[in-house]
PDB file of N, CA and C in Angstrom:
ATOM      1  N   MET A   1     -24.821 -10.420 -12.087  1.00  0.00           N
ATOM      2  CA  MET A   1     -25.726  -9.591 -11.323  1.00  0.00           C
ATOM      3  C   MET A   1     -25.236  -8.140 -11.307  1.00  0.00           C
ATOM      4  N   TYR A   2     -23.992  -7.972 -10.965  1.00  0.00           N
ATOM      5  CA  TYR A   2     -23.409  -6.643 -11.007  1.00  0.00           C
ATOM      6  C   TYR A   2     -22.791  -6.448 -12.375  1.00  0.00           C
ATOM      7  N   GLY A   3     -22.408  -5.258 -12.675  1.00  0.00           N
ATOM      8  CA  GLY A   3     -21.819  -4.997 -13.969  1.00  0.00           C
ATOM      9  C   GLY A   3     -20.403  -5.534 -14.070  1.00  0.00           C
ATOM     10  N   LEU A   4     -19.896  -5.586 -15.276  1.00  0.00           N
ATOM     11  CA  LEU A   4     -18.542  -6.063 -15.522  1.00  0.00           C
ATOM     12  C   LEU A   4     -17.525  -5.188 -14.801  1.00  0.00           C
ATOM     13  N   LYS A   5     -17.774  -3.906 -14.781  1.00  0.00           N
ATOM     14  CA  LYS A   5     -16.850  -2.979 -14.136  1.00  0.00           C
ATOM     15  C   LYS A   5     -16.784  -3.246 -12.625  1.00  0.00           C
ATOM     16  N   THR A   6     -17.906  -3.531 -11.994  1.00  0.00           N
ATOM     17  CA  THR A   6     -17.947  -3.826 -10.568  1.00  0.00           C
ATOM     18  C   THR A   6     -17.183  -5.105 -10.277  1.00  0.00           C
ATOM     19  N   ASP A   7     -17.315  -6.097 -11.147  1.00  0.00           N
ATOM     20  CA  ASP A   7     -16.585  -7.348 -10.972  1.00  0.00           C
ATOM     21  C   ASP A   7     -15.081  -7.118 -11.023  1.00  0.00           C
ATOM     22  N   ARG A   8     -14.647  -6.267 -11.925  1.00  0.00           N
ATOM     23  CA  ARG A   8     -13.212  -5.967 -12.040  1.00  0.00           C
ATOM     24  C   ARG A   8     -12.706  -5.253 -10.797  1.00  0.00           C
ATOM     25  N   VAL A   9     -13.503  -4.352 -10.273  1.00  0.00           N
ATOM     26  CA  VAL A   9     -13.107  -3.623  -9.071  1.00  0.00           C
ATOM     27  C   VAL A   9     -13.000  -4.588  -7.891  1.00  0.00           C
ATOM     28  N   MET A  10     -13.999  -5.453  -7.749  1.00  0.00           N
ATOM     29  CA  MET A  10     -13.960  -6.433  -6.657  1.00  0.00           C
ATOM     30  C   MET A  10     -12.763  -7.368  -6.809  1.00  0.00           C
ATOM     31  N   ARG A  11     -12.456  -7.734  -8.029  1.00  0.00           N
ATOM     32  CA  ARG A  11     -11.309  -8.610  -8.272  1.00  0.00           C
ATOM     33  C   ARG A  11     -10.020  -7.912  -7.864  1.00  0.00           C
ATOM     34  N   SER A  12      -9.908  -6.637  -8.190  1.00  0.00           N
ATOM     35  CA  SER A  12      -8.721  -5.878  -7.821  1.00  0.00           C
ATOM     36  C   SER A  12      -8.606  -5.732  -6.306  1.00  0.00           C
ATOM     37  N   VAL A  13      -9.720  -5.419  -5.666  1.00  0.00           N
ATOM     38  CA  VAL A  13      -9.730  -5.279  -4.213  1.00  0.00           C
ATOM     39  C   VAL A  13      -9.367  -6.601  -3.559  1.00  0.00           C
ATOM     40  N   GLU A  14      -9.894  -7.671  -4.097  1.00  0.00           N
ATOM     41  CA  GLU A  14      -9.607  -8.993  -3.545  1.00  0.00           C
ATOM     42  C   GLU A  14      -8.121  -9.329  -3.677  1.00  0.00           C
ATOM     43  N   ARG A  15      -7.547  -9.024  -4.814  1.00  0.00           N
ATOM     44  CA  ARG A  15      -6.119  -9.297  -5.014  1.00  0.00           C
ATOM     45  C   ARG A  15      -5.262  -8.436  -4.084  1.00  0.00           C
ATOM     46  N   ASP A  16      -5.642  -7.176  -3.914  1.00  0.00           N
ATOM     47  CA  ASP A  16      -4.901  -6.316  -2.999  1.00  0.00           C
ATOM     48  C   ASP A  16      -4.954  -6.855  -1.578  1.00  0.00           C
ATOM     49  N   SER A  17      -6.125  -7.287  -1.148  1.00  0.00           N
ATOM     50  CA  SER A  17      -6.258  -7.789   0.217  1.00  0.00           C
ATOM     51  C   SER A  17      -5.492  -9.096   0.398  1.00  0.00           C
ATOM     52  N   LYS A  18      -5.449  -9.920  -0.636  1.00  0.00           N
ATOM     53  CA  LYS A  18      -4.668 -11.156  -0.545  1.00  0.00           C
ATOM     54  C   LYS A  18      -3.181 -10.854  -0.435  1.00  0.00           C
ATOM     55  N   ALA A  19      -2.723  -9.850  -1.159  1.00  0.00           N
ATOM     56  CA  ALA A  19      -1.312  -9.475  -1.082  1.00  0.00           C
ATOM     57  C   ALA A  19      -0.977  -8.961   0.315  1.00  0.00           C
ATOM     58  N   ILE A  20      -1.859  -8.173   0.897  1.00  0.00           N
ATOM     59  CA  ILE A  20      -1.633  -7.655   2.251  1.00  0.00           C
ATOM     60  C   ILE A  20      -1.683  -8.795   3.260  1.00  0.00           C
ATOM     61  N   ALA A  21      -2.570  -9.741   3.043  1.00  0.00           N
ATOM     62  CA  ALA A  21      -2.730 -10.850   3.982  1.00  0.00           C
ATOM     63  C   ALA A  21      -1.513 -11.771   4.021  1.00  0.00           C
ATOM     64  N   LEU A  22      -0.673 -11.726   2.998  1.00  0.00           N
ATOM     65  CA  LEU A  22       0.524 -12.561   2.996  1.00  0.00           C
ATOM     66  C   LEU A  22       1.454 -12.224   4.151  1.00  0.00           C
ATOM     67  N   GLY A  23       1.467 -10.970   4.547  1.00  0.00           N
ATOM     68  CA  GLY A  23       2.370 -10.536   5.609  1.00  0.00           C
ATOM     69  C   GLY A  23       3.654  -9.984   5.013  1.00  0.00           C
ATOM     70  N   LEU A  24       4.327  -9.178   5.792  1.00  0.00           N
ATOM     71  CA  LEU A  24       5.508  -8.464   5.304  1.00  0.00           C
ATOM     72  C   LEU A  24       6.642  -9.388   4.859  1.00  0.00           C
ATOM     73  N   PRO A  25       7.026 -10.418   5.617  1.00  0.00           N
ATOM     74  CA  PRO A  25       8.147 -11.267   5.158  1.00  0.00           C
ATOM     75  C   PRO A  25       7.871 -11.937   3.809  1.00  0.00           C
ATOM     76  N   ARG A  26       6.657 -12.404   3.624  1.00  0.00           N
ATOM     77  CA  ARG A  26       6.310 -13.080   2.363  1.00  0.00           C
ATOM     78  C   ARG A  26       6.258 -12.085   1.207  1.00  0.00           C
ATOM     79  N   VAL A  27       5.743 -10.887   1.468  1.00  0.00           N
ATOM     80  CA  VAL A  27       5.691  -9.850   0.434  1.00  0.00           C
ATOM     81  C   VAL A  27       7.109  -9.476   0.007  1.00  0.00           C
ATOM     82  N   GLU A  28       8.008  -9.297   0.995  1.00  0.00           N
ATOM     83  CA  GLU A  28       9.405  -8.955   0.691  1.00  0.00           C
ATOM     84  C   GLU A  28      10.072 -10.055  -0.143  1.00  0.00           C
ATOM     85  N   ALA A  29       9.816 -11.313   0.217  1.00  0.00           N
ATOM     86  CA  ALA A  29      10.424 -12.428  -0.515  1.00  0.00           C
ATOM     87  C   ALA A  29       9.917 -12.487  -1.949  1.00  0.00           C
ATOM     88  N   GLU A  30       8.637 -12.256  -2.137  1.00  0.00           N
ATOM     89  CA  GLU A  30       8.079 -12.303  -3.488  1.00  0.00           C
ATOM     90  C   GLU A  30       8.578 -11.132  -4.329  1.00  0.00           C
ATOM     91  N   ILE A  31       8.708  -9.966  -3.722  1.00  0.00           N
ATOM     92  CA  ILE A  31       9.261  -8.809  -4.445  1.00  0.00           C
ATOM     93  C   ILE A  31      10.684  -9.117  -4.893  1.00  0.00           C
ATOM     94  N   LYS A  32      11.478  -9.663  -3.988  1.00  0.00           N
ATOM     95  CA  LYS A  32      12.870  -9.995  -4.314  1.00  0.00           C
ATOM     96  C   LYS A  32      12.933 -10.997  -5.462  1.00  0.00           C
ATOM     97  N   HIS A  33      12.071 -11.997  -5.426  1.00  0.00           N
ATOM     98  CA  HIS A  33      12.040 -13.002  -6.488  1.00  0.00           C
ATOM     99  C   HIS A  33      11.654 -12.377  -7.830  1.00  0.00           C
ATOM    100  N   LEU A  34      10.598 -11.578  -7.838  1.00  0.00           N
ATOM    101  CA  LEU A  34      10.130 -10.992  -9.096  1.00  0.00           C
ATOM    102  C   LEU A  34      11.111  -9.961  -9.641  1.00  0.00           C
ATOM    103  N   GLU A  35      11.799  -9.243  -8.768  1.00  0.00           N
ATOM    104  CA  GLU A  35      12.798  -8.282  -9.232  1.00  0.00           C
ATOM    105  C   GLU A  35      14.009  -8.990  -9.838  1.00  0.00           C
ATOM    106  N   GLY A  36      14.235 -10.231  -9.443  1.00  0.00           N
ATOM    107  CA  GLY A  36      15.355 -11.002  -9.981  1.00  0.00           C
ATOM    108  C   GLY A  36      15.085 -11.600 -11.354  1.00  0.00           C
ATOM    109  N   LEU A  37      13.845 -11.589 -11.791  1.00  0.00           N
ATOM    110  CA  LEU A  37      13.513 -12.137 -13.108  1.00  0.00           C
ATOM    111  C   LEU A  37      14.096 -11.277 -14.215  1.00  0.00           C
ATOM    112  N   LYS A  38      14.498 -11.916 -15.288  1.00  0.00           N
ATOM    113  CA  LYS A  38      15.061 -11.173 -16.415  1.00  0.00           C
ATOM    114  C   LYS A  38      13.976 -10.498 -17.238  1.00  0.00           C
ATOM    115  N   ARG A  39      12.773 -11.092 -17.233  1.00  0.00           N
ATOM    116  CA  ARG A  39      11.682 -10.546 -18.040  1.00  0.00           C
ATOM    117  C   ARG A  39      10.681  -9.816 -17.162  1.00  0.00           C
ATOM    118  N   ARG A  40      11.111  -8.750 -16.535  1.00  0.00           N
ATOM    119  CA  ARG A  40      10.210  -7.986 -15.681  1.00  0.00           C
ATOM    120  C   ARG A  40       9.309  -7.071 -16.499  1.00  0.00           C
ATOM    121  N   THR A  41       9.501  -7.023 -17.790  1.00  0.00           N
ATOM    122  CA  THR A  41       8.686  -6.135 -18.619  1.00  0.00           C
ATOM    123  C   THR A  41       7.341  -6.751 -18.966  1.00  0.00           C
ATOM    124  N   VAL A  42       7.130  -8.004 -18.620  1.00  0.00           N
ATOM    125  CA  VAL A  42       5.847  -8.649 -18.877  1.00  0.00           C
ATOM    126  C   VAL A  42       4.789  -7.930 -18.034  1.00  0.00           C
ATOM    127  N   ARG A  43       3.661  -7.673 -18.655  1.00  0.00           N
ATOM    128  CA  ARG A  43       2.607  -6.884 -18.019  1.00  0.00           C
ATOM    129  C   ARG A  43       2.158  -7.468 -16.680  1.00  0.00           C
ATOM    130  N   SER A  44       1.980  -8.771 -16.627  1.00  0.00           N
ATOM    131  CA  SER A  44       1.506  -9.401 -15.391  1.00  0.00           C
ATOM    132  C   SER A  44       2.518  -9.253 -14.259  1.00  0.00           C
ATOM    133  N   VAL A  45       3.800  -9.333 -14.593  1.00  0.00           N
ATOM    134  CA  VAL A  45       4.842  -9.183 -13.569  1.00  0.00           C
ATOM    135  C   VAL A  45       4.881  -7.744 -13.070  1.00  0.00           C
ATOM    136  N   LYS A  46       4.752  -6.800 -13.989  1.00  0.00           N
ATOM    137  CA  LYS A  46       4.720  -5.390 -13.596  1.00  0.00           C
ATOM    138  C   LYS A  46       3.557  -5.114 -12.652  1.00  0.00           C
ATOM    139  N   GLN A  47       2.391  -5.632 -13.004  1.00  0.00           N
ATOM    140  CA  GLN A  47       1.209  -5.398 -12.172  1.00  0.00           C
ATOM    141  C   GLN A  47       1.343  -6.065 -10.816  1.00  0.00           C
ATOM    142  N   ARG A  48       1.906  -7.268 -10.777  1.00  0.00           N
ATOM    143  CA  ARG A  48       2.096  -7.968  -9.505  1.00  0.00           C
ATOM    144  C   ARG A  48       3.082  -7.211  -8.632  1.00  0.00           C
ATOM    145  N   LEU A  49       4.182  -6.727  -9.215  1.00  0.00           N
ATOM    146  CA  LEU A  49       5.157  -5.951  -8.446  1.00  0.00           C
ATOM    147  C   LEU A  49       4.528  -4.667  -7.905  1.00  0.00           C
ATOM    148  N   GLU A  50       3.738  -4.007  -8.728  1.00  0.00           N
ATOM    149  CA  GLU A  50       3.067  -2.786  -8.286  1.00  0.00           C
ATOM    150  C   GLU A  50       2.148  -3.072  -7.097  1.00  0.00           C
ATOM    151  N   ARG A  51       1.415  -4.160  -7.171  1.00  0.00           N
ATOM    152  CA  ARG A  51       0.507  -4.554  -6.097  1.00  0.00           C
ATOM    153  C   ARG A  51       1.291  -4.882  -4.826  1.00  0.00           C
ATOM    154  N   LEU A  52       2.419  -5.584  -4.975  1.00  0.00           N
ATOM    155  CA  LEU A  52       3.241  -5.950  -3.822  1.00  0.00           C
ATOM    156  C   LEU A  52       3.916  -4.731  -3.196  1.00  0.00           C
ATOM    157  N   TYR A  53       4.360  -3.787  -4.019  1.00  0.00           N
ATOM    158  CA  TYR A  53       4.952  -2.563  -3.480  1.00  0.00           C
ATOM    159  C   TYR A  53       3.929  -1.808  -2.628  1.00  0.00           C
ATOM    160  N   THR A  54       2.703  -1.740  -3.129  1.00  0.00           N
ATOM    161  CA  THR A  54       1.641  -1.066  -2.388  1.00  0.00           C
ATOM    162  C   THR A  54       1.338  -1.799  -1.086  1.00  0.00           C
ATOM    163  N   ALA A  55       1.275  -3.129  -1.145  1.00  0.00           N
ATOM    164  CA  ALA A  55       1.012  -3.921   0.057  1.00  0.00           C
ATOM    165  C   ALA A  55       2.123  -3.713   1.085  1.00  0.00           C
ATOM    166  N   ARG A  56       3.364  -3.709   0.621  1.00  0.00           N
ATOM    167  CA  ARG A  56       4.504  -3.493   1.532  1.00  0.00           C
ATOM    168  C   ARG A  56       4.409  -2.126   2.194  1.00  0.00           C
ATOM    169  N   LYS A  57       4.065  -1.126   1.396  1.00  0.00           N
ATOM    170  CA  LYS A  57       3.942   0.231   1.934  1.00  0.00           C
ATOM    171  C   LYS A  57       2.882   0.277   3.036  1.00  0.00           C
ATOM    172  N   HIS A  58       1.730  -0.337   2.800  1.00  0.00           N
ATOM    173  CA  HIS A  58       0.656  -0.331   3.791  1.00  0.00           C
ATOM    174  C   HIS A  58       1.036  -1.133   5.030  1.00  0.00           C
ATOM    175  N   LEU A  59       1.719  -2.246   4.838  1.00  0.00           N
ATOM    176  CA  LEU A  59       2.111  -3.078   5.972  1.00  0.00           C
ATOM    177  C   LEU A  59       3.155  -2.391   6.849  1.00  0.00           C
ATOM    178  N   ILE A  60       4.021  -1.598   6.242  1.00  0.00           N
ATOM    179  CA  ILE A  60       5.049  -0.897   7.014  1.00  0.00           C
ATOM    180  C   ILE A  60       4.466   0.324   7.714  1.00  0.00           C
ATOM    181  N   GLU A  61       3.676   1.114   6.990  1.00  0.00           N
ATOM    182  CA  GLU A  61       3.156   2.365   7.543  1.00  0.00           C
ATOM    183  C   GLU A  61       2.074   2.156   8.594  1.00  0.00           C
ATOM    184  N   SER A  62       1.180   1.227   8.348  1.00  0.00           N
ATOM    185  CA  SER A  62       0.082   1.020   9.301  1.00  0.00           C
ATOM    186  C   SER A  62      -0.367  -0.444   9.278  1.00  0.00           C
ATOM    187  N   PRO A  63       0.344  -1.293   9.998  1.00  0.00           N
ATOM    188  CA  PRO A  63       0.018  -2.724   9.959  1.00  0.00           C
ATOM    189  C   PRO A  63      -1.364  -3.052  10.518  1.00  0.00           C
ATOM    190  N   GLU A  64      -1.819  -2.313  11.534  1.00  0.00           N
ATOM    191  CA  GLU A  64      -3.142  -2.592  12.104  1.00  0.00           C
ATOM    192  C   GLU A  64      -4.242  -2.312  11.085  1.00  0.00           C
ATOM    193  N   GLU A  65      -4.132  -1.185  10.408  1.00  0.00           N
ATOM    194  CA  GLU A  65      -5.136  -0.820   9.409  1.00  0.00           C
ATOM    195  C   GLU A  65      -5.107  -1.778   8.224  1.00  0.00           C
ATOM    196  N   ALA A  66      -3.927  -2.259   7.867  1.00  0.00           N
ATOM    197  CA  ALA A  66      -3.817  -3.188   6.744  1.00  0.00           C
ATOM    198  C   ALA A  66      -4.551  -4.489   7.054  1.00  0.00           C
ATOM    199  N   MET A  67      -4.387  -5.006   8.243  1.00  0.00           N
ATOM    200  CA  MET A  67      -5.077  -6.242   8.612  1.00  0.00           C
ATOM    201  C   MET A  67      -6.580  -6.010   8.758  1.00  0.00           C
ATOM    202  N   GLU A  68      -6.955  -4.811   9.217  1.00  0.00           N
ATOM    203  CA  GLU A  68      -8.371  -4.467   9.329  1.00  0.00           C
ATOM    204  C   GLU A  68      -9.014  -4.407   7.950  1.00  0.00           C
ATOM    205  N   ALA A  69      -8.294  -3.873   6.983  1.00  0.00           N
ATOM    206  CA  ALA A  69      -8.812  -3.789   5.616  1.00  0.00           C
ATOM    207  C   ALA A  69      -9.044  -5.179   5.045  1.00  0.00           C
ATOM    208  N   THR A  70      -8.177  -6.121   5.356  1.00  0.00           N
ATOM    209  CA  THR A  70      -8.348  -7.488   4.886  1.00  0.00           C
ATOM    210  C   THR A  70      -9.634  -8.091   5.427  1.00  0.00           C
ATOM    211  N   SER A  71      -9.906  -7.861   6.709  1.00  0.00           N
ATOM    212  CA  SER A  71     -11.131  -8.415   7.283  1.00  0.00           C
ATOM    213  C   SER A  71     -12.374  -7.719   6.717  1.00  0.00           C
ATOM    214  N   LEU A  72     -12.262  -6.432   6.411  1.00  0.00           N
ATOM    215  CA  LEU A  72     -13.386  -5.717   5.809  1.00  0.00           C
ATOM    216  C   LEU A  72     -13.709  -6.267   4.423  1.00  0.00           C
ATOM    217  N   VAL A  73     -12.687  -6.619   3.668  1.00  0.00           N
ATOM    218  CA  VAL A  73     -12.908  -7.185   2.341  1.00  0.00           C
ATOM    219  C   VAL A  73     -13.599  -8.538   2.467  1.00  0.00           C
ATOM    220  N   GLN A  74     -13.218  -9.327   3.454  1.00  0.00           N
ATOM    221  CA  GLN A  74     -13.870 -10.619   3.661  1.00  0.00           C
ATOM    222  C   GLN A  74     -15.340 -10.425   4.023  1.00  0.00           C
ATOM    223  N   GLN A  75     -15.640  -9.412   4.833  1.00  0.00           N
ATOM    224  CA  GLN A  75     -17.031  -9.116   5.174  1.00  0.00           C
ATOM    225  C   GLN A  75     -17.811  -8.688   3.936  1.00  0.00           C
ATOM    226  N   LEU A  76     -17.214  -7.873   3.095  1.00  0.00           N
ATOM    227  CA  LEU A  76     -17.861  -7.415   1.873  1.00  0.00           C
ATOM    228  C   LEU A  76     -18.150  -8.598   0.946  1.00  0.00           C
ATOM    229  N   LYS A  77     -17.195  -9.517   0.822  1.00  0.00           N
ATOM    230  CA  LYS A  77     -17.422 -10.702  -0.001  1.00  0.00           C
ATOM    231  C   LYS A  77     -18.570 -11.534   0.538  1.00  0.00           C
ATOM    232  N   ALA A  78     -18.670 -11.649   1.839  1.00  0.00           N
ATOM    233  CA  ALA A  78     -19.764 -12.411   2.442  1.00  0.00           C
ATOM    234  C   ALA A  78     -21.120 -11.765   2.134  1.00  0.00           C
ATOM    235  N   ILE A  79     -21.164 -10.453   2.194  1.00  0.00           N
ATOM    236  CA  ILE A  79     -22.400  -9.721   1.897  1.00  0.00           C
ATOM    237  C   ILE A  79     -22.781  -9.932   0.431  1.00  0.00           C
ATOM    238  N   ASN A  80     -21.803  -9.822  -0.456  1.00  0.00           N
ATOM    239  CA  ASN A  80     -22.067 -10.015  -1.881  1.00  0.00           C
ATOM    240  C   ASN A  80     -22.523 -11.435  -2.184  1.00  0.00           C
ATOM    241  N   ASN A  81     -21.994 -12.405  -1.480  1.00  0.00           N
ATOM    242  CA  ASN A  81     -22.393 -13.803  -1.689  1.00  0.00           C
ATOM    243  C   ASN A  81     -23.818 -14.031  -1.221  1.00  0.00           C
ATOM    244  N   GLU A  82     -24.229 -13.327  -0.167  1.00  0.00           N
ATOM    245  CA  GLU A  82     -25.603 -13.446   0.320  1.00  0.00           C
ATOM    246  C   GLU A  82     -26.593 -12.907  -0.704  1.00  0.00           C
ATOM    247  N   LYS A  83     -26.216 -11.845  -1.398  1.00  0.00           N
ATOM    248  CA  LYS A  83     -27.096 -11.224  -2.383  1.00  0.00           C
ATOM    249  C   LYS A  83     -27.236 -12.082  -3.633  1.00  0.00           C
ATOM    250  N   ALA A  84     -26.185 -12.836  -3.938  1.00  0.00           N
ATOM    251  CA  ALA A  84     -26.181 -13.634  -5.187  1.00  0.00           C
ATOM    252  C   ALA A  84     -27.014 -14.864  -5.122  1.00  0.00           C
TER     253      ALA A  84
END
């Protein structure tokens, strides 16, 4: 229904919100685990670490806004599902 580009954006937003929804302790643990891998040069690992670093930054700087953003993404998904 929407274009391919819109789907990619929604997928990225969804992944970001899921990373934020994990909470700070889980994000820290996953960062520590991924940084310990010997093959951190794999593209998927780099992208996951980048996403987790951003989530950690948002959770530390403004935890209320981070949780609010997660609920907004869920509302947006509900709206998109109604249209489909």
